[in-house]
Protein backbone atom coordinates (compact mmCIF):
# COMPACT_ATOMS: atom_id res chain seq x y z
CA MET A 1 98.45 92.72 78.95
CA LYS A 2 101.85 91.89 80.42
CA ILE A 3 104.96 93.86 79.49
CA SER A 4 108.65 93.36 80.16
CA VAL A 5 110.51 96.26 81.73
CA THR A 6 114.21 96.91 82.20
CA ALA A 7 114.59 99.31 85.11
CA LYS A 8 117.17 102.07 85.28
CA THR A 9 117.16 103.79 88.66
CA ARG A 10 118.85 106.98 89.84
CA SER A 11 118.55 108.45 86.36
CA ARG A 12 119.04 112.15 85.73
CA LYS A 13 116.42 112.15 82.98
CA PRO A 14 113.37 109.99 83.67
CA SER A 15 112.05 108.38 80.49
CA VAL A 16 110.12 105.47 78.99
CA THR A 17 111.48 103.92 75.79
CA LYS A 18 109.79 101.15 73.84
CA THR A 19 112.43 98.72 72.58
CA GLY A 20 110.13 96.40 70.68
CA GLY A 21 106.90 94.45 71.02
CA ARG A 22 106.03 94.53 74.71
CA ARG A 23 109.50 95.50 75.95
CA TYR A 24 110.30 98.82 77.57
CA VAL A 25 113.24 100.52 79.26
CA VAL A 26 112.09 102.81 82.06
CA ALA A 27 114.49 105.27 83.68
CA VAL A 28 113.43 106.90 86.96
CA ALA A 29 115.12 109.20 89.45
CA ALA A 30 113.97 107.14 92.45
CA ILE A 31 116.36 104.93 94.39
CA PRO A 32 115.81 101.17 94.52
CA GLU A 33 114.88 101.09 98.18
CA ARG A 34 111.65 99.87 99.85
CA GLY A 35 109.73 99.81 96.56
CA LYS A 36 110.26 103.48 95.72
CA ALA A 37 111.68 102.72 92.27
CA ASN A 38 108.96 100.16 91.48
CA ALA A 39 106.27 102.71 92.34
CA ALA A 40 107.97 105.35 90.20
CA ILE A 41 108.25 102.89 87.29
CA ALA A 42 104.56 102.00 87.59
CA ASP A 43 103.62 105.69 87.60
CA SER A 44 105.84 106.39 84.57
CA LEU A 45 104.36 103.47 82.66
CA ALA A 46 100.81 104.58 83.49
CA ALA A 47 101.52 108.10 82.22
CA TYR A 48 103.22 106.79 79.06
CA LEU A 49 100.41 104.35 78.27
CA GLY A 50 97.64 106.79 79.22
CA VAL A 51 96.04 104.64 81.91
CA SER A 52 95.34 105.13 85.60
CA PRO A 53 98.23 104.19 87.92
CA SER A 54 95.89 101.80 89.75
CA ARG A 55 95.73 99.68 86.57
CA VAL A 56 99.50 99.02 86.57
CA ARG A 57 100.91 96.40 88.93
CA ILE A 58 104.17 94.50 89.19
CA VAL A 59 103.87 90.76 88.63
CA SER A 60 107.47 89.61 89.05
CA GLY A 61 110.97 90.97 89.49
CA ALA A 62 110.32 93.39 92.34
CA GLY A 63 113.96 93.15 93.43
CA ALA A 64 115.51 92.77 89.97
CA ARG A 65 116.28 95.01 87.00
CA GLN A 66 114.14 92.87 84.70
CA LYS A 67 110.49 93.17 85.71
CA ILE A 68 107.11 92.06 84.44
CA PHE A 69 104.21 94.50 84.80
CA GLU A 70 100.55 93.82 84.13
CA ILE A 71 98.32 96.50 82.65
CA ASN A 72 94.58 95.96 83.21
C-alpha cells in the first residue's frame, strides 16, 4: 500500500494525522538533514500503523515536503 505524506519537521509535538484516504500529515522533531527526518517519519508511521519499521520505506520525495511511502 502506498500513502502520501506531508512532512512537518522541527515540530515541538510529534504527531501523525490522517487527513483522508491514504493521506497523512506527519510532524517530527528531527531536522531535515542527511535523512534524519525521513527516518523519523518512517518510524512514526510504523508506530501509528502498528507495523515493523522495516516494512515502511520511502518511494519518492526524499528531499521534498510531499513524500510517498510504501507499507509492505
